[in-house]
């Protein structure tokens, strides 16, 4: 085995390990109760650690913008929340044009939309890949879960799978 073959196998193994770690993290965060996730997100924002936020300049309710309750709850407290390349922002709220059953509330790494289902509050990160039908594979129970998982991925919280 030459050096390049060794390097490729090492890189492949590292990517697989990272994917396994992210799957474990996703399962742990998704299983958390909403109250616990809200508390964790608010604590991280308060400490300006992992998550950063701009406090709401005005309050909103789900009837103001037809947002699901948990999304309205986020925007009642914050105009914008961000970590790494992910951002949820009041100014980005709009109907998701590729599927009007969803509302876009943010961006993830500049090329993906963070959208929320109006009917059940589930959050998806959908790539802007030019496909007519969006891929809804990347999902989170609520916007609070999405924000906590972004913070965890950004700074390595929950590196090890749960025992």
Protein backbone atom coordinates (compact mmCIF):
# COMPACT_ATOMS: atom_id res chain seq x y z
CA UNK A 1 0.00 0.00 0.00
CA UNK A 2 1.46 3.32 -1.07
CA UNK A 3 1.28 6.54 0.89
CA UNK A 4 -1.62 7.90 -1.19
CA UNK A 5 -3.62 4.70 -0.70
CA UNK A 6 -2.95 4.86 3.03
CA UNK A 7 -3.97 8.54 3.12
CA UNK A 8 -7.19 7.82 1.20
CA UNK A 9 -8.11 4.95 3.55
CA UNK A 10 -7.37 7.15 6.57
CA UNK A 11 -9.51 9.98 5.15
CA UNK A 12 -12.36 7.57 4.37
CA UNK A 13 -12.21 6.11 7.88
CA UNK A 14 -12.17 9.60 9.43
CA UNK A 15 -15.24 10.64 7.41
CA UNK A 16 -17.07 7.46 8.42
CA UNK A 17 -16.23 8.06 12.09
CA UNK A 18 -17.43 11.65 11.86
CA UNK A 19 -20.68 10.56 10.19
CA UNK A 20 -21.23 8.00 12.96
CA UNK A 21 -20.59 10.66 15.60
CA UNK A 22 -23.05 13.08 13.93
CA UNK A 23 -25.72 10.34 13.68
CA UNK A 24 -25.29 9.55 17.38
CA UNK A 25 -25.51 13.25 18.24
CA UNK A 26 -28.64 13.65 16.10
CA UNK A 27 -30.34 10.71 17.83
CA UNK A 28 -29.48 12.09 21.28
CA UNK A 29 -30.67 15.61 20.54
CA UNK A 30 -33.83 14.42 18.78
CA UNK A 31 -34.73 12.31 21.83
CA UNK A 32 -34.43 15.26 24.22
CA UNK A 33 -37.60 16.79 25.65
CA UNK A 34 -38.41 20.17 24.19
CA UNK A 35 -38.25 21.89 27.59
CA UNK A 36 -34.71 20.60 28.07
CA UNK A 37 -33.61 21.70 24.62
CA UNK A 38 -35.10 25.19 25.09
CA UNK A 39 -33.27 25.54 28.41
CA UNK A 40 -29.96 24.42 26.84
CA UNK A 41 -30.31 26.76 23.86
CA UNK A 42 -31.19 29.73 26.04
CA UNK A 43 -28.24 28.97 28.35
CA UNK A 44 -25.81 28.82 25.40
CA UNK A 45 -27.18 32.09 24.01
CA UNK A 46 -27.07 33.79 27.41
CA UNK A 47 -23.41 32.82 27.80
CA UNK A 48 -22.79 33.79 24.14
CA UNK A 49 -21.20 30.39 23.85
CA UNK A 50 -21.68 28.17 20.79
CA UNK A 51 -24.84 30.07 19.83
CA UNK A 52 -25.13 33.80 19.29
CA UNK A 53 -28.31 35.81 19.12
CA UNK A 54 -29.79 39.24 18.58
CA UNK A 55 -32.72 39.81 20.94
CA UNK A 56 -36.12 40.42 19.40
CA UNK A 57 -36.84 44.02 18.54
CA UNK A 58 -40.54 43.18 18.55
CA UNK A 59 -42.55 40.19 19.64
CA UNK A 60 -44.48 37.98 17.30
CA UNK A 61 -47.01 35.23 17.68
CA UNK A 62 -47.96 32.36 15.44
CA UNK A 63 -50.95 34.35 14.18
CA UNK A 64 -48.77 37.31 13.12
CA UNK A 65 -46.80 35.33 10.55
CA UNK A 66 -48.68 32.03 10.50
CA UNK A 67 -45.68 30.36 12.10
CA UNK A 68 -45.92 27.14 14.11
CA UNK A 69 -45.90 27.70 17.87
CA UNK A 70 -42.30 26.68 18.57
CA UNK A 71 -41.01 28.84 15.72
CA UNK A 72 -43.04 31.80 16.96
CA UNK A 73 -41.57 31.13 20.42
CA UNK A 74 -38.01 31.43 19.03
CA UNK A 75 -38.80 34.67 17.18
CA UNK A 76 -40.64 36.13 20.17
CA UNK A 77 -37.28 36.06 21.98
CA UNK A 78 -34.76 36.52 19.16
CA UNK A 79 -34.55 38.30 15.82
CA UNK A 80 -31.62 36.12 14.82
CA UNK A 81 -29.75 33.08 16.16
CA UNK A 82 -26.56 31.79 14.54
CA UNK A 83 -23.63 29.44 14.95
CA UNK A 84 -21.01 28.61 12.36
CA UNK A 85 -22.63 28.81 8.93
CA UNK A 86 -26.17 28.30 10.20
CA UNK A 87 -28.54 31.19 10.81
CA UNK A 88 -32.20 31.47 11.75
CA UNK A 89 -33.37 35.02 11.18
CA UNK A 90 -36.66 36.91 11.21
CA UNK A 91 -35.71 38.65 7.94
CA UNK A 92 -35.38 35.28 6.17
CA UNK A 93 -38.95 34.17 6.93
CA UNK A 94 -40.84 33.45 3.74
CA UNK A 95 -42.93 30.78 2.09
CA UNK A 96 -40.63 28.04 0.79
CA UNK A 97 -41.19 28.35 -2.95
CA UNK A 98 -40.31 24.73 -3.78
CA UNK A 99 -43.08 23.46 -1.49
CA UNK A 100 -45.63 25.89 -0.07
CA UNK A 101 -46.44 23.59 2.87
CA UNK A 102 -43.24 24.89 4.45
CA UNK A 103 -41.90 28.23 5.63
CA UNK A 104 -38.24 29.11 5.31
CA UNK A 105 -36.81 30.54 8.53
CA UNK A 106 -33.08 30.43 7.89
CA UNK A 107 -30.04 29.23 5.99
CA UNK A 108 -27.44 26.59 6.66
CA UNK A 109 -24.01 27.03 5.10
CA UNK A 110 -25.36 29.58 2.58
CA UNK A 111 -26.66 26.96 0.15
CA UNK A 112 -29.35 25.20 2.16
CA UNK A 113 -32.70 26.44 3.42
CA UNK A 114 -33.86 25.85 6.97
CA UNK A 115 -37.58 25.22 6.62
CA UNK A 116 -40.38 24.31 8.98
CA UNK A 117 -43.54 22.35 8.32
CA UNK A 118 -46.61 24.42 9.06
CA UNK A 119 -48.59 21.31 10.00
CA UNK A 120 -46.31 19.62 12.55
CA UNK A 121 -43.42 22.03 13.36
CA UNK A 122 -40.80 19.60 12.07
CA UNK A 123 -37.69 21.38 10.75
CA UNK A 124 -35.73 20.35 7.66
CA UNK A 125 -32.50 21.50 6.08
CA UNK A 126 -32.98 21.34 2.33
CA UNK A 127 -30.11 21.74 -0.13
CA UNK A 128 -30.48 24.18 -3.00
CA UNK A 129 -29.57 21.46 -5.49
CA UNK A 130 -31.82 22.51 -8.35
CA UNK A 131 -34.02 19.44 -7.99
CA UNK A 132 -37.75 19.95 -8.38
CA UNK A 133 -38.53 17.84 -5.29
CA UNK A 134 -36.59 18.81 -2.14
CA UNK A 135 -34.80 16.11 -0.14
CA UNK A 136 -36.39 16.06 3.32
CA UNK A 137 -33.87 13.61 4.81
CA UNK A 138 -32.24 16.07 7.23
CA UNK A 139 -34.93 16.68 9.87
CA UNK A 140 -35.32 17.87 13.47
CA UNK A 141 -38.33 17.68 15.81
CA UNK A 142 -38.47 21.47 16.38
CA UNK A 143 -36.50 24.62 15.63
CA UNK A 144 -35.11 24.49 19.18
CA UNK A 145 -33.71 20.99 18.49
CA UNK A 146 -32.14 22.23 15.25
CA UNK A 147 -30.46 25.16 17.04
CA UNK A 148 -29.09 22.95 19.80
CA UNK A 149 -27.75 20.39 17.35
CA UNK A 150 -26.06 23.12 15.29
CA UNK A 151 -24.37 24.40 18.45
CA UNK A 152 -23.33 20.88 19.40
CA UNK A 153 -21.85 20.18 15.96
CA UNK A 154 -20.13 23.55 15.81
CA UNK A 155 -18.31 23.20 19.12
CA UNK A 156 -18.25 19.45 19.74
CA UNK A 157 -20.74 19.15 22.59
CA UNK A 158 -21.77 15.51 23.05
CA UNK A 159 -18.72 14.11 21.28
CA UNK A 160 -19.31 10.63 22.64
CA UNK A 161 -22.48 8.62 22.05
CA UNK A 162 -24.79 8.20 25.05
CA UNK A 163 -24.13 5.19 27.28
